[in-house]
Amino acid sequence: MTIQNPVELVNSYPQVSLTVDCVIFGFDDNALQVLLIKSDLDSFENQLSLLGDIVKIDEHLDKAATRVVKQRTGMDHLYLEQIHTFSDVNRHPGGRVITTVYASLLNCKDVHLKILDNDIKWHNINDIAS
């Protein structure tokens, strides 16, 4: 039996992008809110998006999610829980992308968004679900 060099073996794997998306839920006077941002991708111009980014080659998934929230909102020390991975082959227009989703639930009154780029703001879940 031939044992392959591990670097050569990994280099023979198909190229797949790995991303994280963060779903930040908040309660505000008994109304469920979700934190959304305007997409910065040209193909999704003026559409709302979750907070997300590509995972860096040397980055742990949990750290990537924490980085995304910090970079997009200025919030740190936010509890995030990994809840699901989406891996449908044709789910992203850019090619093969696997996305791991993290979620958090907090009281909107207890947080202050320090960064407001891309029109980031709270949206009532009932307003966007219909």
Protein backbone atom coordinates (compact mmCIF):
# COMPACT_ATOMS: atom_id res chain seq x y z
CA MET A 1 0.00 0.00 0.00
CA THR A 2 1.33 3.45 -0.98
CA ILE A 3 1.02 6.26 1.54
CA GLN A 4 0.51 9.64 -0.10
CA ASN A 5 2.19 12.78 1.04
CA PRO A 6 -0.52 14.61 3.08
CA VAL A 7 0.16 17.94 1.30
CA GLU A 8 -0.22 16.32 -2.12
CA LEU A 9 -3.38 14.58 -0.96
CA VAL A 10 -4.97 17.83 0.26
CA ASN A 11 -3.91 19.66 -2.91
CA SER A 12 -5.76 17.02 -4.94
CA TYR A 13 -9.07 17.84 -3.18
CA PRO A 14 -11.64 19.98 -5.00
CA GLN A 15 -11.60 23.74 -4.30
CA VAL A 16 -14.44 24.74 -1.99
CA SER A 17 -14.98 28.09 -0.27
CA LEU A 18 -15.96 28.14 3.39
CA THR A 19 -17.94 31.03 4.86
CA VAL A 20 -19.70 31.93 8.08
CA ASP A 21 -22.99 33.80 8.46
CA CYS A 22 -24.17 35.24 11.76
CA VAL A 23 -27.86 35.54 12.59
CA ILE A 24 -28.19 38.01 15.44
CA PHE A 25 -31.69 37.95 16.91
CA GLY A 26 -32.85 40.54 19.38
CA PHE A 27 -35.93 41.18 21.49
CA ASP A 28 -37.32 44.70 21.61
CA ASP A 29 -40.56 45.15 23.60
CA ASN A 30 -41.61 41.53 22.93
CA ALA A 31 -40.97 41.87 19.19
CA LEU A 32 -38.39 39.59 17.61
CA GLN A 33 -35.81 41.50 15.55
CA VAL A 34 -32.96 40.37 13.32
CA LEU A 35 -29.82 42.36 12.53
CA LEU A 36 -29.38 42.76 8.77
CA ILE A 37 -27.06 44.65 6.49
CA LYS A 38 -27.27 45.72 2.85
CA SER A 39 -25.27 43.28 0.76
CA ASP A 40 -21.94 44.52 -0.55
CA LEU A 41 -22.02 42.09 -3.48
CA ASP A 42 -22.92 43.68 -6.81
CA SER A 43 -25.25 40.82 -7.77
CA PHE A 44 -27.28 41.43 -4.58
CA GLU A 45 -27.26 45.25 -4.68
CA ASN A 46 -29.83 46.82 -2.31
CA GLN A 47 -30.81 43.44 -0.87
CA LEU A 48 -30.61 42.63 2.83
CA SER A 49 -28.07 40.13 4.06
CA LEU A 50 -26.89 38.38 7.17
CA LEU A 51 -23.51 39.31 8.60
CA GLY A 52 -21.01 37.02 6.93
CA ASP A 53 -17.62 36.56 5.34
CA ILE A 54 -15.14 34.03 3.99
CA VAL A 55 -13.22 32.00 6.57
CA LYS A 56 -9.51 32.75 6.34
CA ILE A 57 -7.20 29.84 5.56
CA ASP A 58 -5.68 29.92 9.07
CA GLU A 59 -8.88 30.72 10.98
CA HIS A 60 -11.07 28.56 13.22
CA LEU A 61 -14.80 28.75 12.38
CA ASP A 62 -15.72 30.17 15.80
CA LYS A 63 -13.07 32.87 15.48
CA ALA A 64 -14.31 33.76 11.99
CA ALA A 65 -17.85 34.28 13.31
CA THR A 66 -16.56 36.44 16.16
CA ARG A 67 -14.45 38.47 13.71
CA VAL A 68 -17.42 39.05 11.39
CA VAL A 69 -19.60 40.38 14.21
CA LYS A 70 -16.80 42.60 15.53
CA GLN A 71 -15.93 44.01 12.08
CA ARG A 72 -19.54 44.66 11.06
CA THR A 73 -21.01 45.91 14.36
CA GLY A 74 -18.17 46.77 16.71
CA MET A 75 -19.68 44.34 19.25
CA ASP A 76 -17.40 41.86 20.93
CA HIS A 77 -17.85 39.21 23.61
CA LEU A 78 -21.12 38.18 22.00
CA TYR A 79 -22.24 34.60 22.59
CA LEU A 80 -22.53 32.82 19.24
CA GLU A 81 -23.63 29.24 18.78
CA GLN A 82 -22.99 27.17 15.68
CA ILE A 83 -26.40 26.01 14.49
CA HIS A 84 -26.23 24.63 10.95
CA THR A 85 -24.09 24.15 7.87
CA PHE A 86 -25.54 24.76 4.39
CA SER A 87 -23.88 22.77 1.64
CA ASP A 88 -26.21 22.55 -1.35
CA VAL A 89 -24.00 22.43 -4.42
CA ASN A 90 -25.66 25.29 -6.33
CA ARG A 91 -26.66 27.52 -3.40
CA HIS A 92 -24.24 30.37 -4.17
CA PRO A 93 -23.90 32.20 -7.51
CA GLY A 94 -20.12 32.43 -7.09
CA GLY A 95 -19.52 28.69 -7.10
CA ARG A 96 -19.15 25.95 -4.50
CA VAL A 97 -19.55 27.58 -1.09
CA ILE A 98 -20.23 25.85 2.21
CA THR A 99 -21.61 28.15 4.91
CA THR A 100 -21.72 27.52 8.63
CA VAL A 101 -24.32 29.61 10.45
CA TYR A 102 -23.97 31.01 13.94
CA ALA A 103 -26.79 32.54 15.97
CA SER A 104 -27.16 34.78 18.97
CA LEU A 105 -30.14 36.07 20.93
CA LEU A 106 -29.97 39.29 22.92
CA ASN A 107 -31.96 42.24 24.17
CA CYS A 108 -31.75 45.05 21.59
CA LYS A 109 -31.78 47.63 24.38
CA ASP A 110 -28.60 46.12 25.86
CA VAL A 111 -26.47 46.56 22.74
CA HIS A 112 -25.11 49.54 20.90
CA LEU A 113 -24.02 49.14 17.29
CA LYS A 114 -20.67 50.93 17.02
CA ILE A 115 -20.39 50.50 13.25
CA LEU A 116 -23.30 51.38 10.95
CA ASP A 117 -21.77 50.69 7.53
CA ASN A 118 -23.97 49.24 4.77
CA ASP A 119 -27.12 50.45 6.53
CA ILE A 120 -26.89 47.82 9.27
CA LYS A 121 -29.95 47.89 11.51
CA TRP A 122 -32.57 45.85 13.33
CA HIS A 123 -35.56 44.58 11.33
CA ASN A 124 -38.77 43.16 12.75
CA ILE A 125 -38.83 39.51 11.78
CA ASN A 126 -42.49 39.77 10.74
CA ASP A 127 -41.70 42.55 8.27
CA ILE A 128 -39.05 40.55 6.41
CA ALA A 129 -40.65 37.12 6.60
CA SER A 130 -43.60 38.05 4.43
